[in-house]
Amino acid sequence: MAAKSDISITKEALAEIYAHAAREYPRECCGIVFGPRASTDANRVLVCKNIQDELHVEDPQMFQRDAHTAFNFEAGDLLKLNKSLRGDEPARIIYHSHPDSGHTREDGAYFSAVEYLVVDVRPNGAHHAAQFAWDPEQKQYLEVRRYA
């Protein structure tokens, strides 16, 4: 059984994510998309703060990459994500951008209960993204959807 997903990001939420990626460029942006438990829509975006630069400055040995190539959520955003998983509007997708990467691969996971969206962003903005879901057979995240 290959990875598949019924969850999709609404057009409005995707526009908000793309705008966030463009604002943060050339740093990676990050955030969470929530959706009603009874629906397949991911429609409410929580723009989060990428604290990777701060972590890198505090401990460059442990956090070798800065926010140009990595992201990390602050504790309050992680708490909101965790709490949502028990509610009526759980986190459906975690997103982040890859500035100037030329690809949109999934490169790490915070929670296996959610899917991931990787946004390709350039100096002229964000124009496409790829969504990834867990494949239990291959024990990894695989691409399930592309967005223009």
C-alpha atoms as a PDB file:
ATOM      1  CA  MET A   1       0.000   0.000   0.000  1.00  0.00           C
ATOM      2  CA  ALA A   2       1.562   3.316  -1.100  1.00  0.00           C
ATOM      3  CA  ALA A   3       1.164   6.549   0.784  1.00  0.00           C
ATOM      4  CA  LYS A   4      -2.032   8.379  -0.025  1.00  0.00           C
ATOM      5  CA  SER A   5      -3.949  11.239   1.437  1.00  0.00           C
ATOM      6  CA  ASP A   6      -7.477  12.554   1.456  1.00  0.00           C
ATOM      7  CA  ILE A   7      -6.350  15.823   3.048  1.00  0.00           C
ATOM      8  CA  SER A   8      -5.943  18.829   0.809  1.00  0.00           C
ATOM      9  CA  ILE A   9      -5.137  22.454   1.456  1.00  0.00           C
ATOM     10  CA  THR A  10      -7.771  24.973   0.448  1.00  0.00           C
ATOM     11  CA  LYS A  11      -6.911  27.588  -2.165  1.00  0.00           C
ATOM     12  CA  GLU A  12      -7.164  30.376   0.422  1.00  0.00           C
ATOM     13  CA  ALA A  13      -4.876  28.592   2.896  1.00  0.00           C
ATOM     14  CA  LEU A  14      -2.340  27.876   0.153  1.00  0.00           C
ATOM     15  CA  ALA A  15      -2.294  31.571  -0.817  1.00  0.00           C
ATOM     16  CA  GLU A  16      -1.618  32.491   2.818  1.00  0.00           C
ATOM     17  CA  ILE A  17       1.238  29.947   3.005  1.00  0.00           C
ATOM     18  CA  TYR A  18       2.781  31.234  -0.222  1.00  0.00           C
ATOM     19  CA  ALA A  19       2.597  34.820   1.072  1.00  0.00           C
ATOM     20  CA  HIS A  20       4.275  33.741   4.315  1.00  0.00           C
ATOM     21  CA  ALA A  21       7.079  31.988   2.394  1.00  0.00           C
ATOM     22  CA  ALA A  22       7.642  35.100   0.269  1.00  0.00           C
ATOM     23  CA  ARG A  23       7.776  37.371   3.350  1.00  0.00           C
ATOM     24  CA  GLU A  24      10.355  35.185   5.081  1.00  0.00           C
ATOM     25  CA  TYR A  25      12.571  34.655   2.030  1.00  0.00           C
ATOM     26  CA  PRO A  26      15.529  33.937   2.076  1.00  0.00           C
ATOM     27  CA  ARG A  27      14.833  32.262   5.439  1.00  0.00           C
ATOM     28  CA  GLU A  28      12.675  29.156   5.752  1.00  0.00           C
ATOM     29  CA  CYS A  29       9.163  29.849   6.940  1.00  0.00           C
ATOM     30  CA  CYS A  30       7.148  27.367   8.994  1.00  0.00           C
ATOM     31  CA  GLY A  31       3.588  26.934  10.121  1.00  0.00           C
ATOM     32  CA  ILE A  32       0.654  24.647  10.758  1.00  0.00           C
ATOM     33  CA  VAL A  33      -2.575  24.128   8.829  1.00  0.00           C
ATOM     34  CA  PHE A  34      -5.619  22.971  10.792  1.00  0.00           C
ATOM     35  CA  GLY A  35      -8.906  21.574   9.528  1.00  0.00           C
ATOM     36  CA  PRO A  36     -12.195  20.240  10.838  1.00  0.00           C
ATOM     37  CA  ARG A  37     -11.931  16.616  11.965  1.00  0.00           C
ATOM     38  CA  ALA A  38     -15.028  15.728   9.919  1.00  0.00           C
ATOM     39  CA  SER A  39     -13.570  17.201   6.712  1.00  0.00           C
ATOM     40  CA  THR A  40     -10.642  16.526   4.388  1.00  0.00           C
ATOM     41  CA  ASP A  41      -9.936  20.276   4.098  1.00  0.00           C
ATOM     42  CA  ALA A  42      -6.925  21.893   5.721  1.00  0.00           C
ATOM     43  CA  ASN A  43      -8.137  25.482   5.827  1.00  0.00           C
ATOM     44  CA  ARG A  44      -6.838  27.476   8.822  1.00  0.00           C
ATOM     45  CA  VAL A  45      -3.196  28.584   8.756  1.00  0.00           C
ATOM     46  CA  LEU A  46      -1.153  29.335  11.846  1.00  0.00           C
ATOM     47  CA  VAL A  47       1.932  31.298  10.804  1.00  0.00           C
ATOM     48  CA  CYS A  48       4.698  30.254  13.182  1.00  0.00           C
ATOM     49  CA  LYS A  49       8.048  31.761  14.097  1.00  0.00           C
ATOM     50  CA  ASN A  50      11.143  29.937  12.868  1.00  0.00           C
ATOM     51  CA  ILE A  51      13.554  30.035  15.819  1.00  0.00           C
ATOM     52  CA  GLN A  52      16.365  28.204  14.017  1.00  0.00           C
ATOM     53  CA  ASP A  53      18.608  31.308  13.842  1.00  0.00           C
ATOM     54  CA  GLU A  54      18.300  31.800  17.603  1.00  0.00           C
ATOM     55  CA  LEU A  55      19.101  28.154  18.286  1.00  0.00           C
ATOM     56  CA  HIS A  56      22.071  28.290  15.914  1.00  0.00           C
ATOM     57  CA  VAL A  57      23.512  31.327  17.724  1.00  0.00           C
ATOM     58  CA  GLU A  58      22.956  29.763  21.172  1.00  0.00           C
ATOM     59  CA  ASP A  59      24.479  26.377  20.297  1.00  0.00           C
ATOM     60  CA  PRO A  60      26.128  26.172  16.851  1.00  0.00           C
ATOM     61  CA  GLN A  61      27.468  22.686  17.581  1.00  0.00           C
ATOM     62  CA  MET A  62      24.004  21.207  18.154  1.00  0.00           C
ATOM     63  CA  PHE A  63      22.179  23.439  15.640  1.00  0.00           C
ATOM     64  CA  GLN A  64      24.661  23.601  12.782  1.00  0.00           C
ATOM     65  CA  ARG A  65      22.242  25.023  10.213  1.00  0.00           C
ATOM     66  CA  ASP A  66      20.659  28.477  10.317  1.00  0.00           C
ATOM     67  CA  ALA A  67      17.185  29.529   9.158  1.00  0.00           C
ATOM     68  CA  HIS A  68      18.256  29.642   5.506  1.00  0.00           C
ATOM     69  CA  THR A  69      18.327  25.838   5.453  1.00  0.00           C
ATOM     70  CA  ALA A  70      16.353  24.679   8.504  1.00  0.00           C
ATOM     71  CA  PHE A  71      13.356  25.429  10.693  1.00  0.00           C
ATOM     72  CA  ASN A  72      12.340  24.895  14.279  1.00  0.00           C
ATOM     73  CA  PHE A  73       9.050  25.807  15.956  1.00  0.00           C
ATOM     74  CA  GLU A  74       8.983  27.720  19.222  1.00  0.00           C
ATOM     75  CA  ALA A  75       7.495  25.879  22.216  1.00  0.00           C
ATOM     76  CA  GLY A  76       4.140  27.689  22.177  1.00  0.00           C
ATOM     77  CA  ASP A  77       3.449  26.653  18.585  1.00  0.00           C
ATOM     78  CA  LEU A  78       4.352  23.034  19.348  1.00  0.00           C
ATOM     79  CA  LEU A  79       1.939  23.117  22.271  1.00  0.00           C
ATOM     80  CA  LYS A  80      -0.865  24.409  20.011  1.00  0.00           C
ATOM     81  CA  LEU A  81      -0.129  21.622  17.531  1.00  0.00           C
ATOM     82  CA  ASN A  82      -0.192  18.949  20.238  1.00  0.00           C
ATOM     83  CA  LYS A  83      -3.378  20.233  21.868  1.00  0.00           C
ATOM     84  CA  SER A  84      -5.148  20.441  18.512  1.00  0.00           C
ATOM     85  CA  LEU A  85      -4.745  16.708  17.900  1.00  0.00           C
ATOM     86  CA  ARG A  86      -7.302  16.064  20.649  1.00  0.00           C
ATOM     87  CA  GLY A  87      -9.771  18.706  19.448  1.00  0.00           C
ATOM     88  CA  ASP A  88     -12.366  19.247  16.736  1.00  0.00           C
ATOM     89  CA  GLU A  89      -9.936  21.097  14.462  1.00  0.00           C
ATOM     90  CA  PRO A  90      -6.672  19.144  14.523  1.00  0.00           C
ATOM     91  CA  ALA A  91      -3.412  20.044  12.843  1.00  0.00           C
ATOM     92  CA  ARG A  92      -3.498  18.414   9.419  1.00  0.00           C
ATOM     93  CA  ILE A  93      -0.321  19.688   7.806  1.00  0.00           C
ATOM     94  CA  ILE A  94       2.982  21.198   8.913  1.00  0.00           C
ATOM     95  CA  TYR A  95       4.524  23.424   6.275  1.00  0.00           C
ATOM     96  CA  HIS A  96       7.898  24.982   5.658  1.00  0.00           C
ATOM     97  CA  SER A  97       9.710  26.515   2.727  1.00  0.00           C
ATOM     98  CA  HIS A  98      12.878  25.654   0.841  1.00  0.00           C
ATOM     99  CA  PRO A  99      14.404  28.910  -0.414  1.00  0.00           C
ATOM    100  CA  ASP A 100      16.111  28.566  -3.802  1.00  0.00           C
ATOM    101  CA  SER A 101      16.153  24.784  -3.511  1.00  0.00           C
ATOM    102  CA  GLY A 102      14.836  23.852  -6.931  1.00  0.00           C
ATOM    103  CA  HIS A 103      12.996  20.936  -5.365  1.00  0.00           C
ATOM    104  CA  THR A 104      10.321  20.323  -2.796  1.00  0.00           C
ATOM    105  CA  ARG A 105      11.220  17.201  -0.870  1.00  0.00           C
ATOM    106  CA  GLU A 106      10.106  16.380   2.642  1.00  0.00           C
ATOM    107  CA  ASP A 107      13.145  16.450   4.916  1.00  0.00           C
ATOM    108  CA  GLY A 108      12.140  15.611   8.419  1.00  0.00           C
ATOM    109  CA  ALA A 109       9.140  15.135  10.582  1.00  0.00           C
ATOM    110  CA  TYR A 110       7.955  16.555  13.884  1.00  0.00           C
ATOM    111  CA  PHE A 111       4.831  14.420  14.257  1.00  0.00           C
ATOM    112  CA  SER A 112       3.723  11.320  12.403  1.00  0.00           C
ATOM    113  CA  ALA A 113       0.074  12.318  13.009  1.00  0.00           C
ATOM    114  CA  VAL A 114       0.266  15.082  10.403  1.00  0.00           C
ATOM    115  CA  GLU A 115       1.311  15.482   6.802  1.00  0.00           C
ATOM    116  CA  TYR A 116       3.946  17.865   5.477  1.00  0.00           C
ATOM    117  CA  LEU A 117       3.980  20.573   2.849  1.00  0.00           C
ATOM    118  CA  VAL A 118       7.262  21.850   1.409  1.00  0.00           C
ATOM    119  CA  VAL A 119       7.073  25.151  -0.482  1.00  0.00           C
ATOM    120  CA  ASP A 120       9.601  26.091  -3.157  1.00  0.00           C
ATOM    121  CA  VAL A 121      10.258  29.831  -2.804  1.00  0.00           C
ATOM    122  CA  ARG A 122      12.470  32.086  -4.926  1.00  0.00           C
ATOM    123  CA  PRO A 123      13.230  35.821  -4.974  1.00  0.00           C
ATOM    124  CA  ASN A 124      10.060  36.332  -7.047  1.00  0.00           C
ATOM    125  CA  GLY A 125       7.838  34.423  -4.606  1.00  0.00           C
ATOM    126  CA  ALA A 126       6.436  30.966  -3.939  1.00  0.00           C
ATOM    127  CA  HIS A 127       4.886  29.202  -6.891  1.00  0.00           C
ATOM    128  CA  HIS A 128       4.514  25.541  -6.076  1.00  0.00           C
ATOM    129  CA  ALA A 129       4.616  23.031  -3.229  1.00  0.00           C
ATOM    130  CA  ALA A 130       4.545  19.303  -2.580  1.00  0.00           C
ATOM    131  CA  GLN A 131       2.575  17.466   0.112  1.00  0.00           C
ATOM    132  CA  PHE A 132       3.931  14.340   1.812  1.00  0.00           C
ATOM    133  CA  ALA A 133       2.208  11.589   3.806  1.00  0.00           C
ATOM    134  CA  TRP A 134       3.584   8.683   5.812  1.00  0.00           C
ATOM    135  CA  ASP A 135       3.898   5.383   3.949  1.00  0.00           C
ATOM    136  CA  PRO A 136       3.761   2.580   6.529  1.00  0.00           C
ATOM    137  CA  GLU A 137       5.181   0.021   4.090  1.00  0.00           C
ATOM    138  CA  GLN A 138       8.255   2.034   3.167  1.00  0.00           C
ATOM    139  CA  LYS A 139       8.469   3.660   6.606  1.00  0.00           C
ATOM    140  CA  GLN A 140       9.008   7.110   5.151  1.00  0.00           C
ATOM    141  CA  TYR A 141       7.122  10.151   3.910  1.00  0.00           C
ATOM    142  CA  LEU A 142       6.219  10.047   0.215  1.00  0.00           C
ATOM    143  CA  GLU A 143       4.854  12.739  -2.056  1.00  0.00           C
ATOM    144  CA  VAL A 144       1.068  12.516  -2.410  1.00  0.00           C
ATOM    145  CA  ARG A 145       0.099  15.827  -4.035  1.00  0.00           C
ATOM    146  CA  ARG A 146       1.517  18.868  -5.858  1.00  0.00           C
ATOM    147  CA  TYR A 147       0.172  22.400  -5.754  1.00  0.00           C
ATOM    148  CA  ALA A 148       0.777  25.142  -8.314  1.00  0.00           C
END
